[in-house]
PDB file of N, CA and C in Angstrom:
ATOM      1  N   MET A   1      99.949  38.706  67.821  1.00  0.00           N
ATOM      2  CA  MET A   1      98.644  39.225  67.460  1.00  0.00           C
ATOM      3  C   MET A   1      97.592  38.193  67.825  1.00  0.00           C
ATOM      4  N   SER A   2      96.483  38.671  68.250  1.00  0.00           N
ATOM      5  CA  SER A   2      95.401  37.779  68.654  1.00  0.00           C
ATOM      6  C   SER A   2      94.736  37.175  67.427  1.00  0.00           C
ATOM      7  N   HIS A   3      94.005  36.119  67.659  1.00  0.00           N
ATOM      8  CA  HIS A   3      93.271  35.478  66.577  1.00  0.00           C
ATOM      9  C   HIS A   3      91.876  36.079  66.444  1.00  0.00           C
ATOM     10  N   ASP A   4      91.650  37.225  67.052  1.00  0.00           N
ATOM     11  CA  ASP A   4      90.363  37.904  66.976  1.00  0.00           C
ATOM     12  C   ASP A   4      90.287  38.626  65.631  1.00  0.00           C
ATOM     13  N   THR A   5      89.468  38.101  64.731  1.00  0.00           N
ATOM     14  CA  THR A   5      89.418  38.684  63.389  1.00  0.00           C
ATOM     15  C   THR A   5      88.809  40.079  63.399  1.00  0.00           C
ATOM     16  N   THR A   6      88.018  40.407  64.417  1.00  0.00           N
ATOM     17  CA  THR A   6      87.468  41.761  64.522  1.00  0.00           C
ATOM     18  C   THR A   6      88.598  42.757  64.748  1.00  0.00           C
ATOM     19  N   GLU A   7      89.515  42.414  65.630  1.00  0.00           N
ATOM     20  CA  GLU A   7      90.670  43.270  65.906  1.00  0.00           C
ATOM     21  C   GLU A   7      91.532  43.436  64.652  1.00  0.00           C
ATOM     22  N   ILE A   8      91.722  42.356  63.937  1.00  0.00           N
ATOM     23  CA  ILE A   8      92.529  42.394  62.715  1.00  0.00           C
ATOM     24  C   ILE A   8      91.840  43.242  61.654  1.00  0.00           C
ATOM     25  N   SER A   9      90.532  43.104  61.533  1.00  0.00           N
ATOM     26  CA  SER A   9      89.772  43.917  60.572  1.00  0.00           C
ATOM     27  C   SER A   9      89.915  45.398  60.892  1.00  0.00           C
ATOM     28  N   LEU A  10      89.849  45.750  62.168  1.00  0.00           N
ATOM     29  CA  LEU A  10      90.033  47.152  62.572  1.00  0.00           C
ATOM     30  C   LEU A  10      91.436  47.643  62.226  1.00  0.00           C
ATOM     31  N   GLN A  11      92.431  46.791  62.429  1.00  0.00           N
ATOM     32  CA  GLN A  11      93.804  47.153  62.095  1.00  0.00           C
ATOM     33  C   GLN A  11      93.930  47.450  60.602  1.00  0.00           C
ATOM     34  N   LEU A  12      93.326  46.616  59.772  1.00  0.00           N
ATOM     35  CA  LEU A  12      93.383  46.842  58.326  1.00  0.00           C
ATOM     36  C   LEU A  12      92.691  48.145  57.948  1.00  0.00           C
ATOM     37  N   ARG A  13      91.524  48.382  58.521  1.00  0.00           N
ATOM     38  CA  ARG A  13      90.786  49.616  58.206  1.00  0.00           C
ATOM     39  C   ARG A  13      91.570  50.853  58.638  1.00  0.00           C
ATOM     40  N   LYS A  14      92.201  50.792  59.809  1.00  0.00           N
ATOM     41  CA  LYS A  14      93.006  51.921  60.285  1.00  0.00           C
ATOM     42  C   LYS A  14      94.181  52.189  59.353  1.00  0.00           C
ATOM     43  N   SER A  15      94.662  51.146  58.699  1.00  0.00           N
ATOM     44  CA  SER A  15      95.771  51.295  57.752  1.00  0.00           C
ATOM     45  C   SER A  15      95.290  51.721  56.369  1.00  0.00           C
ATOM     46  N   GLY A  16      93.973  51.891  56.224  1.00  0.00           N
ATOM     47  CA  GLY A  16      93.424  52.363  54.961  1.00  0.00           C
ATOM     48  C   GLY A  16      93.016  51.276  53.990  1.00  0.00           C
ATOM     49  N   TYR A  17      92.968  50.040  54.444  1.00  0.00           N
ATOM     50  CA  TYR A  17      92.592  48.926  53.572  1.00  0.00           C
ATOM     51  C   TYR A  17      91.162  48.484  53.846  1.00  0.00           C
ATOM     52  N   ARG A  18      90.526  47.991  52.810  1.00  0.00           N
ATOM     53  CA  ARG A  18      89.180  47.436  52.962  1.00  0.00           C
ATOM     54  C   ARG A  18      89.279  45.988  53.418  1.00  0.00           C
ATOM     55  N   VAL A  19      88.281  45.584  54.163  1.00  0.00           N
ATOM     56  CA  VAL A  19      88.178  44.178  54.547  1.00  0.00           C
ATOM     57  C   VAL A  19      87.114  43.582  53.635  1.00  0.00           C
ATOM     58  N   THR A  20      87.574  43.062  52.516  1.00  0.00           N
ATOM     59  CA  THR A  20      86.659  42.501  51.524  1.00  0.00           C
ATOM     60  C   THR A  20      86.135  41.159  52.022  1.00  0.00           C
ATOM     61  N   PRO A  21      85.031  40.698  51.471  1.00  0.00           N
ATOM     62  CA  PRO A  21      84.533  39.372  51.870  1.00  0.00           C
ATOM     63  C   PRO A  21      85.578  38.275  51.646  1.00  0.00           C
ATOM     64  N   GLN A  22      86.361  38.397  50.583  1.00  0.00           N
ATOM     65  CA  GLN A  22      87.394  37.402  50.299  1.00  0.00           C
ATOM     66  C   GLN A  22      88.478  37.423  51.376  1.00  0.00           C
ATOM     67  N   ARG A  23      88.923  38.613  51.745  1.00  0.00           N
ATOM     68  CA  ARG A  23      89.947  38.725  52.787  1.00  0.00           C
ATOM     69  C   ARG A  23      89.431  38.171  54.110  1.00  0.00           C
ATOM     70  N   GLN A  24      88.190  38.506  54.442  1.00  0.00           N
ATOM     71  CA  GLN A  24      87.614  38.027  55.697  1.00  0.00           C
ATOM     72  C   GLN A  24      87.496  36.507  55.698  1.00  0.00           C
ATOM     73  N   LEU A  25      87.037  35.945  54.599  1.00  0.00           N
ATOM     74  CA  LEU A  25      86.866  34.495  54.500  1.00  0.00           C
ATOM     75  C   LEU A  25      88.209  33.767  54.636  1.00  0.00           C
ATOM     76  N   ILE A  26      89.232  34.276  53.987  1.00  0.00           N
ATOM     77  CA  ILE A  26      90.550  33.645  54.036  1.00  0.00           C
ATOM     78  C   ILE A  26      91.176  33.814  55.417  1.00  0.00           C
ATOM     79  N   LEU A  27      91.024  34.971  56.014  1.00  0.00           N
ATOM     80  CA  LEU A  27      91.521  35.183  57.373  1.00  0.00           C
ATOM     81  C   LEU A  27      90.827  34.250  58.358  1.00  0.00           C
ATOM     82  N   ASP A  28      89.516  34.124  58.232  1.00  0.00           N
ATOM     83  CA  ASP A  28      88.767  33.200  59.092  1.00  0.00           C
ATOM     84  C   ASP A  28      89.261  31.768  58.909  1.00  0.00           C
ATOM     85  N   ALA A  29      89.555  31.393  57.669  1.00  0.00           N
ATOM     86  CA  ALA A  29      90.029  30.031  57.390  1.00  0.00           C
ATOM     87  C   ALA A  29      91.374  29.774  58.057  1.00  0.00           C
ATOM     88  N   VAL A  30      92.294  30.723  57.962  1.00  0.00           N
ATOM     89  CA  VAL A  30      93.607  30.544  58.590  1.00  0.00           C
ATOM     90  C   VAL A  30      93.446  30.413  60.104  1.00  0.00           C
ATOM     91  N   CYS A  31      92.599  31.239  60.691  1.00  0.00           N
ATOM     92  CA  CYS A  31      92.361  31.157  62.139  1.00  0.00           C
ATOM     93  C   CYS A  31      91.742  29.818  62.517  1.00  0.00           C
ATOM     94  N   ARG A  32      90.809  29.364  61.738  1.00  0.00           N
ATOM     95  CA  ARG A  32      90.103  28.116  62.040  1.00  0.00           C
ATOM     96  C   ARG A  32      90.992  26.889  61.838  1.00  0.00           C
ATOM     97  N   LEU A  33      91.802  26.905  60.783  1.00  0.00           N
ATOM     98  CA  LEU A  33      92.616  25.734  60.456  1.00  0.00           C
ATOM     99  C   LEU A  33      93.834  25.585  61.359  1.00  0.00           C
ATOM    100  N   GLY A  34      94.251  26.654  62.007  1.00  0.00           N
ATOM    101  CA  GLY A  34      95.364  26.561  62.948  1.00  0.00           C
ATOM    102  C   GLY A  34      96.695  26.938  62.334  1.00  0.00           C
ATOM    103  N   ASP A  35      97.748  26.689  63.104  1.00  0.00           N
ATOM    104  CA  ASP A  35      99.093  27.089  62.692  1.00  0.00           C
ATOM    105  C   ASP A  35      99.632  26.250  61.544  1.00  0.00           C
ATOM    106  N   HIS A  36     100.511  26.878  60.792  1.00  0.00           N
ATOM    107  CA  HIS A  36     101.250  26.234  59.708  1.00  0.00           C
ATOM    108  C   HIS A  36     100.321  25.622  58.670  1.00  0.00           C
ATOM    109  N   VAL A  37      99.414  26.432  58.198  1.00  0.00           N
ATOM    110  CA  VAL A  37      98.434  25.985  57.216  1.00  0.00           C
ATOM    111  C   VAL A  37      98.940  26.326  55.813  1.00  0.00           C
ATOM    112  N   THR A  38      98.808  25.385  54.909  1.00  0.00           N
ATOM    113  CA  THR A  38      99.278  25.592  53.539  1.00  0.00           C
ATOM    114  C   THR A  38      98.235  26.363  52.735  1.00  0.00           C
ATOM    115  N   PRO A  39      98.672  27.038  51.673  1.00  0.00           N
ATOM    116  CA  PRO A  39      97.708  27.711  50.806  1.00  0.00           C
ATOM    117  C   PRO A  39      96.680  26.736  50.233  1.00  0.00           C
ATOM    118  N   GLU A  40      97.103  25.516  49.954  1.00  0.00           N
ATOM    119  CA  GLU A  40      96.182  24.515  49.410  1.00  0.00           C
ATOM    120  C   GLU A  40      95.082  24.181  50.411  1.00  0.00           C
ATOM    121  N   ALA A  41      95.450  24.068  51.691  1.00  0.00           N
ATOM    122  CA  ALA A  41      94.453  23.781  52.729  1.00  0.00           C
ATOM    123  C   ALA A  41      93.478  24.944  52.874  1.00  0.00           C
ATOM    124  N   VAL A  42      94.001  26.170  52.795  1.00  0.00           N
ATOM    125  CA  VAL A  42      93.124  27.344  52.869  1.00  0.00           C
ATOM    126  C   VAL A  42      92.173  27.342  51.679  1.00  0.00           C
ATOM    127  N   TYR A  43      92.714  27.095  50.490  1.00  0.00           N
ATOM    128  CA  TYR A  43      91.869  27.063  49.293  1.00  0.00           C
ATOM    129  C   TYR A  43      90.784  25.996  49.415  1.00  0.00           C
ATOM    130  N   ASP A  44      91.151  24.800  49.827  1.00  0.00           N
ATOM    131  CA  ASP A  44      90.161  23.727  49.975  1.00  0.00           C
ATOM    132  C   ASP A  44      89.057  24.126  50.948  1.00  0.00           C
ATOM    133  N   HIS A  45      89.441  24.778  52.039  1.00  0.00           N
ATOM    134  CA  HIS A  45      88.461  25.193  53.048  1.00  0.00           C
ATOM    135  C   HIS A  45      87.517  26.264  52.498  1.00  0.00           C
ATOM    136  N   VAL A  46      88.078  27.313  51.902  1.00  0.00           N
ATOM    137  CA  VAL A  46      87.228  28.416  51.438  1.00  0.00           C
ATOM    138  C   VAL A  46      86.445  28.042  50.186  1.00  0.00           C
ATOM    139  N   HIS A  47      86.987  27.135  49.386  1.00  0.00           N
ATOM    140  CA  HIS A  47      86.299  26.733  48.154  1.00  0.00           C
ATOM    141  C   HIS A  47      84.977  26.028  48.462  1.00  0.00           C
ATOM    142  N   ARG A  48      84.919  25.330  49.603  1.00  0.00           N
ATOM    143  CA  ARG A  48      83.656  24.695  50.005  1.00  0.00           C
ATOM    144  C   ARG A  48      82.601  25.734  50.365  1.00  0.00           C
ATOM    145  N   ILE A  49      83.042  26.866  50.886  1.00  0.00           N
ATOM    146  CA  ILE A  49      82.126  27.929  51.302  1.00  0.00           C
ATOM    147  C   ILE A  49      81.796  28.849  50.134  1.00  0.00           C
ATOM    148  N   ALA A  50      82.808  29.169  49.344  1.00  0.00           N
ATOM    149  CA  ALA A  50      82.658  30.097  48.217  1.00  0.00           C
ATOM    150  C   ALA A  50      83.304  29.472  46.983  1.00  0.00           C
ATOM    151  N   PRO A  51      82.565  28.628  46.260  1.00  0.00           N
ATOM    152  CA  PRO A  51      83.139  27.898  45.123  1.00  0.00           C
ATOM    153  C   PRO A  51      83.699  28.783  44.010  1.00  0.00           C
ATOM    154  N   THR A  52      83.264  30.035  43.938  1.00  0.00           N
ATOM    155  CA  THR A  52      83.762  30.908  42.873  1.00  0.00           C
ATOM    156  C   THR A  52      85.087  31.575  43.227  1.00  0.00           C
ATOM    157  N   LEU A  53      85.538  31.442  44.457  1.00  0.00           N
ATOM    158  CA  LEU A  53      86.802  32.037  44.875  1.00  0.00           C
ATOM    159  C   LEU A  53      87.958  31.266  44.233  1.00  0.00           C
ATOM    160  N   SER A  54      88.819  31.972  43.534  1.00  0.00           N
ATOM    161  CA  SER A  54      89.892  31.297  42.792  1.00  0.00           C
ATOM    162  C   SER A  54      91.111  31.028  43.673  1.00  0.00           C
ATOM    163  N   ARG A  55      91.898  30.083  43.224  1.00  0.00           N
ATOM    164  CA  ARG A  55      93.157  29.757  43.905  1.00  0.00           C
ATOM    165  C   ARG A  55      94.081  30.986  43.889  1.00  0.00           C
ATOM    166  N   ALA A  56      94.091  31.723  42.784  1.00  0.00           N
ATOM    167  CA  ALA A  56      94.935  32.918  42.680  1.00  0.00           C
ATOM    168  C   ALA A  56      94.547  33.958  43.727  1.00  0.00           C
ATOM    169  N   THR A  57      93.254  34.112  43.975  1.00  0.00           N
ATOM    170  CA  THR A  57      92.796  35.059  44.994  1.00  0.00           C
ATOM    171  C   THR A  57      93.300  34.644  46.366  1.00  0.00           C
ATOM    172  N   VAL A  58      93.253  33.360  46.659  1.00  0.00           N
ATOM    173  CA  VAL A  58      93.756  32.870  47.953  1.00  0.00           C
ATOM    174  C   VAL A  58      95.232  33.232  48.104  1.00  0.00           C
ATOM    175  N   TYR A  59      96.030  32.969  47.079  1.00  0.00           N
ATOM    176  CA  TYR A  59      97.458  33.287  47.147  1.00  0.00           C
ATOM    177  C   TYR A  59      97.684  34.793  47.290  1.00  0.00           C
ATOM    178  N   ARG A  60      96.931  35.603  46.549  1.00  0.00           N
ATOM    179  CA  ARG A  60      97.087  37.061  46.638  1.00  0.00           C
ATOM    180  C   ARG A  60      96.742  37.570  48.034  1.00  0.00           C
ATOM    181  N   VAL A  61      95.651  37.068  48.601  1.00  0.00           N
ATOM    182  CA  VAL A  61      95.229  37.523  49.933  1.00  0.00           C
ATOM    183  C   VAL A  61      96.228  37.057  50.995  1.00  0.00           C
ATOM    184  N   LEU A  62      96.715  35.831  50.898  1.00  0.00           N
ATOM    185  CA  LEU A  62      97.726  35.366  51.852  1.00  0.00           C
ATOM    186  C   LEU A  62      98.975  36.251  51.775  1.00  0.00           C
ATOM    187  N   HIS A  63      99.385  36.605  50.563  1.00  0.00           N
ATOM    188  CA  HIS A  63     100.541  37.488  50.382  1.00  0.00           C
ATOM    189  C   HIS A  63     100.261  38.865  50.993  1.00  0.00           C
ATOM    190  N   PHE A  64      99.085  39.407  50.726  1.00  0.00           N
ATOM    191  CA  PHE A  64      98.704  40.714  51.271  1.00  0.00           C
ATOM    192  C   PHE A  64      98.721  40.692  52.799  1.00  0.00           C
ATOM    193  N   LEU A  65      98.112  39.672  53.404  1.00  0.00           N
ATOM    194  CA  LEU A  65      98.057  39.589  54.867  1.00  0.00           C
ATOM    195  C   LEU A  65      99.450  39.399  55.466  1.00  0.00           C
ATOM    196  N   THR A  66     100.346  38.773  54.719  1.00  0.00           N
ATOM    197  CA  THR A  66     101.732  38.639  55.173  1.00  0.00           C
ATOM    198  C   THR A  66     102.430  39.994  55.114  1.00  0.00           C
ATOM    199  N   GLU A  67     102.214  40.744  54.037  1.00  0.00           N
ATOM    200  CA  GLU A  67     102.807  42.084  53.925  1.00  0.00           C
ATOM    201  C   GLU A  67     102.324  43.016  55.028  1.00  0.00           C
ATOM    202  N   GLN A  68     101.102  42.805  55.501  1.00  0.00           N
ATOM    203  CA  GLN A  68     100.534  43.633  56.568  1.00  0.00           C
ATOM    204  C   GLN A  68     100.921  43.129  57.960  1.00  0.00           C
ATOM    205  N   HIS A  69     101.751  42.109  58.020  1.00  0.00           N
ATOM    206  CA  HIS A  69     102.235  41.514  59.275  1.00  0.00           C
ATOM    207  C   HIS A  69     101.107  40.920  60.112  1.00  0.00           C
ATOM    208  N   ILE A  70     100.073  40.472  59.430  1.00  0.00           N
ATOM    209  CA  ILE A  70      98.969  39.774  60.088  1.00  0.00           C
ATOM    210  C   ILE A  70      99.260  38.278  60.072  1.00  0.00           C
ATOM    211  N   LEU A  71      99.832  37.823  58.966  1.00  0.00           N
ATOM    212  CA  LEU A  71     100.266  36.433  58.851  1.00  0.00           C
ATOM    213  C   LEU A  71     101.787  36.403  58.750  1.00  0.00           C
ATOM    214  N   ALA A  72     102.348  35.268  59.122  1.00  0.00           N
ATOM    215  CA  ALA A  72     103.777  35.024  58.933  1.00  0.00           C
ATOM    216  C   ALA A  72     103.923  33.815  58.023  1.00  0.00           C
ATOM    217  N   MET A  73     104.856  33.899  57.095  1.00  0.00           N
ATOM    218  CA  MET A  73     105.106  32.796  56.174  1.00  0.00           C
ATOM    219  C   MET A  73     106.177  31.887  56.779  1.00  0.00           C
ATOM    220  N   VAL A  74     105.952  30.590  56.648  1.00  0.00           N
ATOM    221  CA  VAL A  74     106.886  29.593  57.165  1.00  0.00           C
ATOM    222  C   VAL A  74     107.330  28.723  55.997  1.00  0.00           C
ATOM    223  N   HIS A  75     108.640  28.567  55.831  1.00  0.00           N
ATOM    224  CA  HIS A  75     109.182  27.677  54.798  1.00  0.00           C
ATOM    225  C   HIS A  75     109.351  26.299  55.421  1.00  0.00           C
ATOM    226  N   MET A  76     108.585  25.348  54.931  1.00  0.00           N
ATOM    227  CA  MET A  76     108.636  23.995  55.476  1.00  0.00           C
ATOM    228  C   MET A  76     109.851  23.257  54.907  1.00  0.00           C
ATOM    229  N   ALA A  77     110.269  22.194  55.576  1.00  0.00           N
ATOM    230  CA  ALA A  77     111.459  21.438  55.178  1.00  0.00           C
ATOM    231  C   ALA A  77     111.328  20.844  53.783  1.00  0.00           C
ATOM    232  N   ASP A  78     110.094  20.514  53.388  1.00  0.00           N
ATOM    233  CA  ASP A  78     109.893  19.901  52.070  1.00  0.00           C
ATOM    234  C   ASP A  78     109.753  20.933  50.955  1.00  0.00           C
ATOM    235  N   GLY A  79     109.985  22.212  51.289  1.00  0.00           N
ATOM    236  CA  GLY A  79     109.930  23.264  50.286  1.00  0.00           C
ATOM    237  C   GLY A  79     108.596  23.974  50.184  1.00  0.00           C
ATOM    238  N   ARG A  80     107.571  23.428  50.823  1.00  0.00           N
ATOM    239  CA  ARG A  80     106.257  24.074  50.768  1.00  0.00           C
ATOM    240  C   ARG A  80     106.235  25.308  51.659  1.00  0.00           C
ATOM    241  N   LEU A  81     105.316  26.206  51.339  1.00  0.00           N
ATOM    242  CA  LEU A  81     105.074  27.367  52.184  1.00  0.00           C
ATOM    243  C   LEU A  81     103.865  27.092  53.052  1.00  0.00           C
ATOM    244  N   ALA A  82     103.898  27.627  54.254  1.00  0.00           N
ATOM    245  CA  ALA A  82     102.750  27.549  55.146  1.00  0.00           C
ATOM    246  C   ALA A  82     102.611  28.912  55.810  1.00  0.00           C
ATOM    247  N   TYR A  83     101.464  29.147  56.393  1.00  0.00           N
ATOM    248  CA  TYR A  83     101.183  30.424  57.037  1.00  0.00           C
ATOM    249  C   TYR A  83     100.671  30.185  58.442  1.00  0.00           C
ATOM    250  N   GLU A  84     100.942  31.174  59.297  1.00  0.00           N
ATOM    251  CA  GLU A  84     100.421  31.173  60.655  1.00  0.00           C
ATOM    252  C   GLU A  84     100.132  32.617  61.037  1.00  0.00           C
ATOM    253  N   MET A  85      99.343  32.799  62.072  1.00  0.00           N
ATOM    254  CA  MET A  85      99.078  34.142  62.550  1.00  0.00           C
ATOM    255  C   MET A  85     100.386  34.722  63.071  1.00  0.00           C
ATOM    256  N   ALA A  86     100.664  35.965  62.718  1.00  0.00           N
ATOM    257  CA  ALA A  86     101.895  36.611  63.171  1.00  0.00           C
ATOM    258  C   ALA A  86     101.753  36.965  64.646  1.00  0.00           C
ATOM    259  N   GLY A  87     102.805  36.740  65.384  1.00  0.00           N
ATOM    260  CA  GLY A  87     102.809  37.095  66.798  1.00  0.00           C
ATOM    261  C   GLY A  87     103.547  38.401  67.007  1.00  0.00           C
ATOM    262  N   PRO A  88     103.557  38.884  68.233  1.00  0.00           N
ATOM    263  CA  PRO A  88     104.246  40.150  68.506  1.00  0.00           C
ATOM    264  C   PRO A  88     105.764  40.032  68.360  1.00  0.00           C
ATOM    265  N   GLU A  89     106.293  38.833  68.538  1.00  0.00           N
ATOM    266  CA  GLU A  89     107.731  38.598  68.426  1.00  0.00           C
ATOM    267  C   GLU A  89     107.984  37.487  67.413  1.00  0.00           C
ATOM    268  N   PRO A  90     109.030  37.615  66.595  1.00  0.00           N
ATOM    269  CA  PRO A  90     109.371  36.516  65.686  1.00  0.00           C
ATOM    270  C   PRO A  90     109.798  35.293  66.496  1.00  0.00           C
ATOM    271  N   HIS A  91     109.592  34.132  65.930  1.00  0.00           N
ATOM    272  CA  HIS A  91     110.040  32.909  66.587  1.00  0.00           C
ATOM    273  C   HIS A  91     110.558  31.943  65.533  1.00  0.00           C
ATOM    274  N   HIS A  92     111.316  30.978  65.975  1.00  0.00           N
ATOM    275  CA  HIS A  92     111.935  30.019  65.068  1.00  0.00           C
ATOM    276  C   HIS A  92     111.165  28.711  65.080  1.00  0.00           C
ATOM    277  N   HIS A  93     111.330  27.958  64.018  1.00  0.00           N
ATOM    278  CA  HIS A  93     110.714  26.640  63.911  1.00  0.00           C
ATOM    279  C   HIS A  93     111.815  25.603  63.748  1.00  0.00           C
ATOM    280  N   LEU A  94     111.719  24.550  64.512  1.00  0.00           N
ATOM    281  CA  LEU A  94     112.656  23.443  64.387  1.00  0.00           C
ATOM    282  C   LEU A  94     111.955  22.317  63.652  1.00  0.00           C
ATOM    283  N   VAL A  95     112.633  21.780  62.648  1.00  0.00           N
ATOM    284  CA  VAL A  95     112.045  20.729  61.829  1.00  0.00           C
ATOM    285  C   VAL A  95     112.892  19.472  61.962  1.00  0.00           C
ATOM    286  N   CYS A  96     112.240  18.364  62.245  1.00  0.00           N
ATOM    287  CA  CYS A  96     112.921  17.075  62.338  1.00  0.00           C
ATOM    288  C   CYS A  96     113.403  16.674  60.942  1.00  0.00           C
ATOM    289  N   ARG A  97     114.660  16.326  60.813  1.00  0.00           N
ATOM    290  CA  ARG A  97     115.208  15.931  59.514  1.00  0.00           C
ATOM    291  C   ARG A  97     114.767  14.540  59.095  1.00  0.00           C
ATOM    292  N   SER A  98     114.321  13.744  60.037  1.00  0.00           N
ATOM    293  CA  SER A  98     113.884  12.384  59.713  1.00  0.00           C
ATOM    294  C   SER A  98     112.465  12.345  59.179  1.00  0.00           C
ATOM    295  N   CYS A  99     111.557  13.049  59.867  1.00  0.00           N
ATOM    296  CA  CYS A  99     110.141  12.931  59.494  1.00  0.00           C
ATOM    297  C   CYS A  99     109.524  14.239  59.015  1.00  0.00           C
ATOM    298  N   ASP A 100     110.304  15.327  58.993  1.00  0.00           N
ATOM    299  CA  ASP A 100     109.844  16.649  58.559  1.00  0.00           C
ATOM    300  C   ASP A 100     108.765  17.244  59.446  1.00  0.00           C
ATOM    301  N   SER A 101     108.558  16.708  60.648  1.00  0.00           N
ATOM    302  CA  SER A 101     107.552  17.313  61.527  1.00  0.00           C
ATOM    303  C   SER A 101     108.121  18.589  62.120  1.00  0.00           C
ATOM    304  N   LEU A 102     107.249  19.516  62.385  1.00  0.00           N
ATOM    305  CA  LEU A 102     107.640  20.816  62.902  1.00  0.00           C
ATOM    306  C   LEU A 102     107.748  20.781  64.403  1.00  0.00           C
TER     307      LEU A 102
END
């Protein structure tokens, strides 16, 4: 899937979902921050823009976007979750056992 948030917004609307300001802000943050972004990094980014946005909302929206196959969840070696834009084909991640780099 492309990182064009307009295309993603259209996909959500076609599926019958609203593109709320919160969803748009979080989607923009994931696109801007790049691959394998943690929920904490997304929260820190959006909290600077919208201080009233809660951490719970960030987690709910990330979960929703994952269910819609817009984002893919990645289990990091240290147990943390990270997210990336979902592509047309699944792919694997190799993690170094020494330094935990992806």
